[in-house]
Amino acid sequence: MLRVGVVADTHAPRFWKATPPAVAARLADVHVILHAGDVCQPSVLDELAQLAPVHVVAGNNDGPDVVAWGAPETLELDLDGLSIAMIHDSGSKDGRAARMRRRFPDADLVVFGHSHIPWDTEQDGQRLFNPGSPTDKRRQPHGTLGLLVIDDGVLVSADIIPVTP
């Protein structure tokens, strides 16, 4: 089974000075980390890469340094047989599922960020997952991240985990 950590909207250095202990603890045993953008400083990616390999997309607050680290606008990858697409901004929640299906027709799972609002829905066989933000919770009760478990092409679990009180 492949364990995947999912983060977004870390917004360093304003909200992420260094990897928060609660985030590091939750990501300690993952095999790979997905970052759905608004990293803001590539040092965040360097820190996360010390825990596990990182795949990242650029967010609207990311500059050329994050792009140079390896963050395209969108990313499609296969993790243990599961087709995953990543994008920072999936647009308004109205029509999101149809829009993501058109944009990524073959993806089993679309990971996105931008809103800082945790989101986990499935429509027509495509799962949409936003982990929220571990450091900038905005109007949410907690900072959050995501944990996925994939087994031979099947998304066994997708959990949104609070990491702040």
N, C-alpha and C. Protein backbone atom coordinates (compact mmCIF):
# COMPACT_ATOMS: atom_id res chain seq x y z
N MET A 1 0.84 -1.19 0.00
CA MET A 1 0.00 0.00 0.00
C MET A 1 0.88 1.24 0.00
N LEU A 2 0.47 2.20 -0.80
CA LEU A 2 1.21 3.46 -0.92
C LEU A 2 0.50 4.52 -0.07
N ARG A 3 1.24 5.12 0.84
CA ARG A 3 0.71 6.19 1.69
C ARG A 3 1.17 7.53 1.11
N VAL A 4 0.20 8.43 0.90
CA VAL A 4 0.47 9.71 0.24
C VAL A 4 0.02 10.85 1.14
N GLY A 5 0.91 11.80 1.39
CA GLY A 5 0.55 13.02 2.11
C GLY A 5 0.18 14.09 1.11
N VAL A 6 -0.85 14.88 1.43
CA VAL A 6 -1.31 15.93 0.52
C VAL A 6 -1.41 17.24 1.30
N VAL A 7 -0.72 18.26 0.79
CA VAL A 7 -0.78 19.60 1.39
C VAL A 7 -1.01 20.63 0.29
N ALA A 8 -1.44 21.80 0.70
CA ALA A 8 -1.62 22.92 -0.22
C ALA A 8 -1.57 24.21 0.60
N ASP A 9 -1.35 25.30 -0.09
CA ASP A 9 -1.49 26.62 0.50
C ASP A 9 -0.69 26.80 1.80
N THR A 10 0.59 26.47 1.73
CA THR A 10 1.45 26.63 2.90
C THR A 10 1.89 28.08 3.10
N HIS A 11 1.92 28.86 2.04
CA HIS A 11 2.16 30.31 2.10
C HIS A 11 3.36 30.71 2.99
N ALA A 12 4.52 30.19 2.64
CA ALA A 12 5.75 30.58 3.35
C ALA A 12 6.24 31.94 2.84
N PRO A 13 6.84 32.75 3.64
CA PRO A 13 7.10 32.55 5.07
C PRO A 13 6.01 33.13 5.96
N ARG A 14 4.97 33.69 5.37
CA ARG A 14 3.94 34.32 6.18
C ARG A 14 3.32 33.35 7.19
N PHE A 15 2.98 32.14 6.72
CA PHE A 15 2.33 31.17 7.62
C PHE A 15 3.18 29.94 7.89
N TRP A 16 4.16 29.67 7.04
CA TRP A 16 5.01 28.47 7.20
C TRP A 16 6.43 28.97 7.40
N LYS A 17 6.89 28.99 8.64
CA LYS A 17 8.27 29.40 8.93
C LYS A 17 9.22 28.22 8.77
N ALA A 18 8.73 27.06 9.15
CA ALA A 18 9.42 25.77 9.00
C ALA A 18 8.33 24.71 9.12
N THR A 19 8.66 23.49 8.78
CA THR A 19 7.64 22.44 8.83
C THR A 19 7.06 22.35 10.24
N PRO A 20 5.76 22.61 10.39
CA PRO A 20 5.15 22.52 11.72
C PRO A 20 5.28 21.08 12.25
N PRO A 21 5.56 20.92 13.54
CA PRO A 21 5.73 19.58 14.11
C PRO A 21 4.54 18.64 13.85
N ALA A 22 3.32 19.16 13.93
CA ALA A 22 2.14 18.31 13.69
C ALA A 22 2.08 17.84 12.24
N VAL A 23 2.53 18.67 11.31
CA VAL A 23 2.57 18.29 9.90
C VAL A 23 3.66 17.24 9.69
N ALA A 24 4.83 17.48 10.23
CA ALA A 24 5.93 16.52 10.11
C ALA A 24 5.54 15.16 10.69
N ALA A 25 4.85 15.17 11.81
CA ALA A 25 4.44 13.91 12.44
C ALA A 25 3.47 13.13 11.54
N ARG A 26 2.54 13.83 10.92
CA ARG A 26 1.56 13.16 10.05
C ARG A 26 2.18 12.68 8.74
N LEU A 27 3.25 13.34 8.31
CA LEU A 27 3.89 12.97 7.04
C LEU A 27 5.09 12.04 7.23
N ALA A 28 5.38 11.68 8.46
CA ALA A 28 6.60 10.92 8.77
C ALA A 28 6.65 9.56 8.08
N ASP A 29 5.50 8.94 7.85
CA ASP A 29 5.53 7.59 7.27
C ASP A 29 4.90 7.51 5.88
N VAL A 30 4.80 8.65 5.18
CA VAL A 30 4.25 8.61 3.82
C VAL A 30 5.36 8.25 2.82
N HIS A 31 4.95 7.71 1.69
CA HIS A 31 5.89 7.34 0.63
C HIS A 31 6.12 8.48 -0.36
N VAL A 32 5.14 9.37 -0.47
CA VAL A 32 5.21 10.48 -1.42
C VAL A 32 4.33 11.61 -0.89
N ILE A 33 4.69 12.85 -1.27
CA ILE A 33 3.92 14.03 -0.86
C ILE A 33 3.47 14.78 -2.11
N LEU A 34 2.22 15.17 -2.13
CA LEU A 34 1.67 16.03 -3.18
C LEU A 34 1.43 17.40 -2.58
N HIS A 35 1.90 18.45 -3.25
CA HIS A 35 1.65 19.83 -2.81
C HIS A 35 0.89 20.53 -3.92
N ALA A 36 -0.32 20.98 -3.60
CA ALA A 36 -1.22 21.57 -4.59
C ALA A 36 -1.08 23.08 -4.72
N GLY A 37 0.11 23.60 -4.51
CA GLY A 37 0.40 24.99 -4.84
C GLY A 37 0.22 26.02 -3.75
N ASP A 38 0.68 27.22 -4.07
CA ASP A 38 0.87 28.33 -3.12
C ASP A 38 1.86 27.93 -2.03
N VAL A 39 2.99 27.44 -2.52
CA VAL A 39 4.14 27.10 -1.69
C VAL A 39 4.79 28.40 -1.22
N CYS A 40 5.01 29.28 -2.18
CA CYS A 40 5.57 30.62 -2.02
C CYS A 40 7.09 30.67 -1.88
N GLN A 41 7.70 29.67 -1.27
CA GLN A 41 9.16 29.60 -1.20
C GLN A 41 9.61 28.16 -1.40
N PRO A 42 10.58 27.94 -2.29
CA PRO A 42 11.00 26.57 -2.55
C PRO A 42 11.60 25.86 -1.34
N SER A 43 11.99 26.59 -0.32
CA SER A 43 12.53 25.94 0.89
C SER A 43 11.49 25.02 1.52
N VAL A 44 10.20 25.32 1.37
CA VAL A 44 9.14 24.44 1.87
C VAL A 44 9.25 23.08 1.19
N LEU A 45 9.45 23.10 -0.12
CA LEU A 45 9.56 21.85 -0.88
C LEU A 45 10.82 21.08 -0.50
N ASP A 46 11.91 21.82 -0.23
CA ASP A 46 13.13 21.16 0.23
C ASP A 46 12.90 20.46 1.57
N GLU A 47 12.17 21.13 2.48
CA GLU A 47 11.87 20.53 3.77
C GLU A 47 11.01 19.28 3.61
N LEU A 48 9.97 19.38 2.79
CA LEU A 48 9.09 18.24 2.58
C LEU A 48 9.82 17.09 1.91
N ALA A 49 10.73 17.41 0.99
CA ALA A 49 11.49 16.38 0.28
C ALA A 49 12.41 15.59 1.21
N GLN A 50 12.69 16.13 2.38
CA GLN A 50 13.47 15.37 3.37
C GLN A 50 12.62 14.26 3.99
N LEU A 51 11.29 14.41 3.89
CA LEU A 51 10.37 13.40 4.43
C LEU A 51 10.03 12.34 3.39
N ALA A 52 9.82 12.78 2.13
CA ALA A 52 9.41 11.86 1.04
C ALA A 52 9.52 12.63 -0.28
N PRO A 53 9.58 11.90 -1.40
CA PRO A 53 9.58 12.59 -2.70
C PRO A 53 8.34 13.47 -2.85
N VAL A 54 8.51 14.62 -3.49
CA VAL A 54 7.44 15.62 -3.61
C VAL A 54 7.08 15.85 -5.07
N HIS A 55 5.77 15.89 -5.34
CA HIS A 55 5.22 16.34 -6.62
C HIS A 55 4.44 17.61 -6.30
N VAL A 56 4.61 18.65 -7.12
CA VAL A 56 4.02 19.95 -6.80
C VAL A 56 3.52 20.62 -8.07
N VAL A 57 2.47 21.43 -7.92
CA VAL A 57 2.02 22.32 -8.99
C VAL A 57 2.14 23.75 -8.48
N ALA A 58 2.30 24.67 -9.41
CA ALA A 58 2.43 26.08 -9.06
C ALA A 58 1.06 26.69 -8.77
N GLY A 59 1.03 27.52 -7.74
CA GLY A 59 -0.17 28.26 -7.39
C GLY A 59 -0.06 29.71 -7.84
N ASN A 60 -1.12 30.45 -7.65
CA ASN A 60 -1.15 31.85 -8.09
C ASN A 60 -0.19 32.74 -7.31
N ASN A 61 0.29 32.29 -6.15
CA ASN A 61 1.26 33.06 -5.37
C ASN A 61 2.69 32.55 -5.51
N ASP A 62 2.89 31.58 -6.39
CA ASP A 62 4.22 31.01 -6.57
C ASP A 62 4.95 31.72 -7.70
N GLY A 63 6.22 31.98 -7.46
CA GLY A 63 7.04 32.69 -8.45
C GLY A 63 7.91 31.74 -9.24
N PRO A 64 8.81 32.32 -10.03
CA PRO A 64 9.69 31.52 -10.88
C PRO A 64 10.58 30.55 -10.10
N ASP A 65 10.90 30.87 -8.85
CA ASP A 65 11.75 29.98 -8.06
C ASP A 65 11.04 28.67 -7.73
N VAL A 66 9.75 28.72 -7.47
CA VAL A 66 8.98 27.50 -7.21
C VAL A 66 8.79 26.71 -8.51
N VAL A 67 8.53 27.43 -9.60
CA VAL A 67 8.41 26.78 -10.91
C VAL A 67 9.72 26.08 -11.26
N ALA A 68 10.85 26.76 -11.00
CA ALA A 68 12.16 26.18 -11.29
C ALA A 68 12.43 24.94 -10.44
N TRP A 69 11.85 24.87 -9.25
CA TRP A 69 12.01 23.69 -8.39
C TRP A 69 11.36 22.47 -9.05
N GLY A 70 10.35 22.74 -9.92
CA GLY A 70 9.69 21.65 -10.62
C GLY A 70 8.18 21.69 -10.54
N ALA A 71 7.61 22.89 -10.43
CA ALA A 71 6.17 23.04 -10.27
C ALA A 71 5.52 23.55 -11.55
N PRO A 72 4.92 22.67 -12.35
CA PRO A 72 4.18 23.12 -13.52
C PRO A 72 2.79 23.62 -13.11
N GLU A 73 2.05 24.15 -14.06
CA GLU A 73 0.68 24.62 -13.78
C GLU A 73 -0.24 23.45 -13.45
N THR A 74 -0.10 22.37 -14.18
CA THR A 74 -0.86 21.14 -13.91
C THR A 74 0.11 19.97 -13.99
N LEU A 75 -0.30 18.88 -13.39
CA LEU A 75 0.55 17.69 -13.38
C LEU A 75 -0.37 16.47 -13.41
N GLU A 76 -0.02 15.51 -14.23
CA GLU A 76 -0.72 14.23 -14.25
C GLU A 76 0.30 13.14 -13.99
N LEU A 77 -0.01 12.25 -13.05
CA LEU A 77 0.91 11.20 -12.69
C LEU A 77 0.16 9.95 -12.29
N ASP A 78 0.86 8.85 -12.29
CA ASP A 78 0.32 7.57 -11.88
C ASP A 78 1.03 7.18 -10.59
N LEU A 79 0.24 6.94 -9.56
CA LEU A 79 0.80 6.46 -8.30
C LEU A 79 0.17 5.10 -8.00
N ASP A 80 0.98 4.07 -8.07
CA ASP A 80 0.55 2.71 -7.78
C ASP A 80 -0.70 2.32 -8.59
N GLY A 81 -0.75 2.78 -9.85
CA GLY A 81 -1.85 2.42 -10.73
C GLY A 81 -3.05 3.36 -10.68
N LEU A 82 -3.02 4.36 -9.82
CA LEU A 82 -4.11 5.35 -9.74
C LEU A 82 -3.71 6.57 -10.54
N SER A 83 -4.57 7.00 -11.44
CA SER A 83 -4.30 8.18 -12.27
C SER A 83 -4.69 9.44 -11.49
N ILE A 84 -3.70 10.30 -11.24
CA ILE A 84 -3.91 11.51 -10.43
C ILE A 84 -3.57 12.73 -11.26
N ALA A 85 -4.43 13.74 -11.18
CA ALA A 85 -4.18 15.05 -11.79
C ALA A 85 -4.10 16.06 -10.66
N MET A 86 -3.22 17.07 -10.86
CA MET A 86 -3.08 18.13 -9.86
C MET A 86 -3.20 19.48 -10.54
N ILE A 87 -3.87 20.40 -9.85
CA ILE A 87 -4.01 21.78 -10.30
C ILE A 87 -4.20 22.61 -9.03
N HIS A 88 -3.75 23.86 -9.06
CA HIS A 88 -3.93 24.67 -7.86
C HIS A 88 -5.38 25.16 -7.75
N ASP A 89 -5.84 25.86 -8.75
CA ASP A 89 -7.16 26.50 -8.71
C ASP A 89 -8.13 25.75 -9.61
N SER A 90 -9.09 25.09 -9.00
CA SER A 90 -10.10 24.33 -9.75
C SER A 90 -11.32 25.18 -10.09
N GLY A 91 -11.30 26.45 -9.70
CA GLY A 91 -12.43 27.34 -9.97
C GLY A 91 -13.53 27.21 -8.94
N SER A 92 -14.62 27.85 -9.21
CA SER A 92 -15.77 27.87 -8.32
C SER A 92 -16.28 26.46 -8.05
N LYS A 93 -16.85 26.27 -6.85
CA LYS A 93 -17.40 24.95 -6.53
C LYS A 93 -18.58 24.61 -7.45
N ASP A 94 -19.29 25.63 -7.93
CA ASP A 94 -20.37 25.39 -8.88
C ASP A 94 -19.78 24.91 -10.20
N GLY A 95 -20.14 23.73 -10.61
CA GLY A 95 -19.65 23.18 -11.87
C GLY A 95 -18.26 22.58 -11.80
N ARG A 96 -17.68 22.50 -10.60
CA ARG A 96 -16.30 22.01 -10.46
C ARG A 96 -16.14 20.60 -11.00
N ALA A 97 -17.04 19.70 -10.65
CA ALA A 97 -16.88 18.30 -11.05
C ALA A 97 -16.87 18.17 -12.57
N ALA A 98 -17.79 18.80 -13.25
CA ALA A 98 -17.84 18.72 -14.72
C ALA A 98 -16.61 19.38 -15.34
N ARG A 99 -16.18 20.50 -14.75
CA ARG A 99 -15.01 21.22 -15.28
C ARG A 99 -13.74 20.38 -15.13
N MET A 100 -13.57 19.73 -13.98
CA MET A 100 -12.38 18.91 -13.77
C MET A 100 -12.43 17.65 -14.64
N ARG A 101 -13.61 17.10 -14.86
CA ARG A 101 -13.74 15.93 -15.74
C ARG A 101 -13.34 16.31 -17.17
N ARG A 102 -13.75 17.50 -17.62
CA ARG A 102 -13.36 17.95 -18.96
C ARG A 102 -11.85 18.20 -19.04
N ARG A 103 -11.30 18.79 -18.01
CA ARG A 103 -9.87 19.13 -18.02
C ARG A 103 -8.99 17.90 -17.88
N PHE A 104 -9.42 16.96 -17.04
CA PHE A 104 -8.64 15.75 -16.78
C PHE A 104 -9.53 14.51 -16.96
N PRO A 105 -9.89 14.21 -18.20
CA PRO A 105 -10.88 13.14 -18.45
C PRO A 105 -10.46 11.76 -17.97
N ASP A 106 -9.17 11.49 -17.88
CA ASP A 106 -8.72 10.15 -17.51
C ASP A 106 -8.29 10.03 -16.05
N ALA A 107 -8.38 11.10 -15.29
CA ALA A 107 -7.92 11.07 -13.90
C ALA A 107 -8.95 10.40 -12.99
N ASP A 108 -8.46 9.52 -12.15
CA ASP A 108 -9.30 8.93 -11.10
C ASP A 108 -9.47 9.90 -9.94
N LEU A 109 -8.42 10.70 -9.71
CA LEU A 109 -8.38 11.62 -8.57
C LEU A 109 -7.81 12.95 -9.04
N VAL A 110 -8.47 14.04 -8.68
CA VAL A 110 -7.95 15.38 -8.94
C VAL A 110 -7.67 16.03 -7.60
N VAL A 111 -6.41 16.42 -7.41
CA VAL A 111 -5.98 17.11 -6.18
C VAL A 111 -5.83 18.58 -6.50
N PHE A 112 -6.42 19.44 -5.66
CA PHE A 112 -6.35 20.88 -5.89
C PHE A 112 -6.24 21.61 -4.57
N GLY A 113 -6.01 22.91 -4.65
CA GLY A 113 -5.90 23.75 -3.46
C GLY A 113 -6.64 25.06 -3.69
N HIS A 114 -6.00 26.16 -3.35
CA HIS A 114 -6.43 27.54 -3.58
C HIS A 114 -7.44 28.07 -2.58
N SER A 115 -8.50 27.35 -2.31
CA SER A 115 -9.58 27.88 -1.46
C SER A 115 -9.27 27.78 0.03
N HIS A 116 -8.33 26.94 0.41
CA HIS A 116 -8.02 26.63 1.81
C HIS A 116 -9.17 25.89 2.49
N ILE A 117 -10.14 25.46 1.73
CA ILE A 117 -11.31 24.76 2.26
C ILE A 117 -11.18 23.27 1.92
N PRO A 118 -11.09 22.42 2.93
CA PRO A 118 -11.03 20.99 2.65
C PRO A 118 -12.24 20.54 1.83
N TRP A 119 -11.99 19.63 0.88
CA TRP A 119 -13.05 19.21 -0.03
C TRP A 119 -12.77 17.77 -0.43
N ASP A 120 -13.76 16.93 -0.33
CA ASP A 120 -13.61 15.54 -0.73
C ASP A 120 -14.95 15.05 -1.26
N THR A 121 -15.07 14.98 -2.58
CA THR A 121 -16.30 14.49 -3.20
C THR A 121 -15.95 13.57 -4.36
N GLU A 122 -16.92 12.81 -4.77
CA GLU A 122 -16.76 11.96 -5.95
C GLU A 122 -17.99 12.14 -6.83
N GLN A 123 -17.73 12.27 -8.12
CA GLN A 123 -18.83 12.36 -9.07
C GLN A 123 -18.42 11.64 -10.35
N ASP A 124 -19.29 10.78 -10.80
CA ASP A 124 -19.07 10.04 -12.05
C ASP A 124 -17.71 9.35 -12.07
N GLY A 125 -17.32 8.78 -10.95
CA GLY A 125 -16.09 8.01 -10.90
C GLY A 125 -14.81 8.80 -10.74
N GLN A 126 -14.91 10.11 -10.57
CA GLN A 126 -13.71 10.93 -10.36
C GLN A 126 -13.79 11.57 -8.98
N ARG A 127 -12.74 11.36 -8.20
CA ARG A 127 -12.67 11.93 -6.85
C ARG A 127 -12.00 13.29 -6.92
N LEU A 128 -12.55 14.29 -6.23
CA LEU A 128 -11.97 15.63 -6.14
C LEU A 128 -11.56 15.85 -4.69
N PHE A 129 -10.29 16.25 -4.50
CA PHE A 129 -9.75 16.30 -3.14
C PHE A 129 -8.91 17.54 -2.94
N ASN A 130 -9.30 18.35 -1.97
CA ASN A 130 -8.53 19.52 -1.53
C ASN A 130 -8.20 19.31 -0.06
N PRO A 131 -6.91 19.28 0.29
CA PRO A 131 -6.55 19.01 1.68
C PRO A 131 -6.76 20.19 2.63
N GLY A 132 -7.15 21.35 2.09
CA GLY A 132 -7.18 22.56 2.91
C GLY A 132 -5.75 23.07 3.08
N SER A 133 -5.52 23.84 4.10
CA SER A 133 -4.18 24.36 4.37
C SER A 133 -3.77 23.99 5.79
N PRO A 134 -2.54 23.51 5.97
CA PRO A 134 -2.10 23.18 7.32
C PRO A 134 -1.74 24.40 8.15
N THR A 135 -1.54 25.55 7.49
CA THR A 135 -1.02 26.72 8.19
C THR A 135 -1.88 27.97 8.07
N ASP A 136 -2.74 28.06 7.08
CA ASP A 136 -3.60 29.23 6.88
C ASP A 136 -5.03 28.76 6.74
N LYS A 137 -5.67 28.50 7.89
CA LYS A 137 -6.98 27.87 7.89
C LYS A 137 -8.12 28.80 7.47
N ARG A 138 -7.83 30.07 7.38
CA ARG A 138 -8.85 31.08 7.04
C ARG A 138 -10.08 30.88 7.92
N ARG A 139 -11.22 30.63 7.33
CA ARG A 139 -12.46 30.52 8.12
C ARG A 139 -12.76 29.09 8.56
N GLN A 140 -11.80 28.19 8.41
CA GLN A 140 -12.01 26.79 8.79
C GLN A 140 -11.69 26.59 10.27
N PRO A 141 -12.26 25.58 10.90
CA PRO A 141 -11.99 25.39 12.34
C PRO A 141 -10.56 24.94 12.64
N HIS A 142 -9.89 24.28 11.66
CA HIS A 142 -8.54 23.76 11.88
C HIS A 142 -7.71 23.88 10.62
N GLY A 143 -6.40 23.96 10.79
CA GLY A 143 -5.51 23.73 9.67
C GLY A 143 -5.54 22.23 9.37
N THR A 144 -5.46 21.87 8.09
CA THR A 144 -5.62 20.47 7.72
C THR A 144 -4.62 20.05 6.63
N LEU A 145 -4.45 18.76 6.52
CA LEU A 145 -3.73 18.15 5.41
C LEU A 145 -4.47 16.87 5.05
N GLY A 146 -4.06 16.26 3.94
CA GLY A 146 -4.72 15.04 3.49
C GLY A 146 -3.79 13.85 3.57
N LEU A 147 -4.37 12.70 3.82
CA LEU A 147 -3.66 11.44 3.79
C LEU A 147 -4.44 10.47 2.91
N LEU A 148 -3.77 9.93 1.90
CA LEU A 148 -4.37 8.98 0.98
C LEU A 148 -3.68 7.64 1.14
N VAL A 149 -4.44 6.58 0.92
CA VAL A 149 -3.87 5.25 0.83
C VAL A 149 -4.32 4.67 -0.50
N ILE A 150 -3.33 4.22 -1.28
CA ILE A 150 -3.59 3.65 -2.61
C ILE A 150 -3.06 2.23 -2.60
N ASP A 151 -3.87 1.32 -3.14
CA ASP A 151 -3.44 -0.07 -3.23
C ASP A 151 -3.79 -0.62 -4.60
N ASP A 152 -2.77 -0.85 -5.41
CA ASP A 152 -2.93 -1.47 -6.72
C ASP A 152 -4.01 -0.77 -7.56
N GLY A 153 -3.90 0.55 -7.67
CA GLY A 153 -4.81 1.33 -8.50
C GLY A 153 -6.11 1.73 -7.85
N VAL A 154 -6.31 1.37 -6.61
CA VAL A 154 -7.55 1.68 -5.90
C VAL A 154 -7.25 2.67 -4.78
N LEU A 155 -8.04 3.74 -4.73
CA LEU A 155 -7.94 4.69 -3.62
C LEU A 155 -8.69 4.08 -2.44
N VAL A 156 -7.94 3.51 -1.51
CA VAL A 156 -8.51 2.80 -0.37
C VAL A 156 -9.11 3.77 0.63
N SER A 157 -8.39 4.90 0.86
CA SER A 157 -8.91 5.90 1.79
C SER A 157 -8.36 7.28 1.42
N ALA A 158 -9.16 8.28 1.75
CA ALA A 158 -8.77 9.68 1.57
C ALA A 158 -9.29 10.42 2.80
N ASP A 159 -8.38 10.84 3.64
CA ASP A 159 -8.76 11.47 4.90
C ASP A 159 -8.22 12.89 4.98
N ILE A 160 -9.03 13.77 5.54
CA ILE A 160 -8.61 15.13 5.85
C ILE A 160 -8.36 15.18 7.35
N ILE A 161 -7.12 15.53 7.70
CA ILE A 161 -6.65 15.43 9.08
C ILE A 161 -6.39 16.82 9.66
N PRO A 162 -7.01 17.16 10.80
CA PRO A 162 -6.68 18.42 11.45
C PRO A 162 -5.26 18.38 12.01
N VAL A 163 -4.52 19.49 11.84
CA VAL A 163 -3.16 19.56 12.36
C VAL A 163 -2.93 20.78 13.25
N THR A 164 -4.02 21.50 13.52
CA THR A 164 -3.95 22.61 14.49
C THR A 164 -5.09 22.43 15.49
N PRO A 165 -4.93 23.00 16.67
CA PRO A 165 -6.01 22.87 17.69
C PRO A 165 -7.29 23.52 17.24
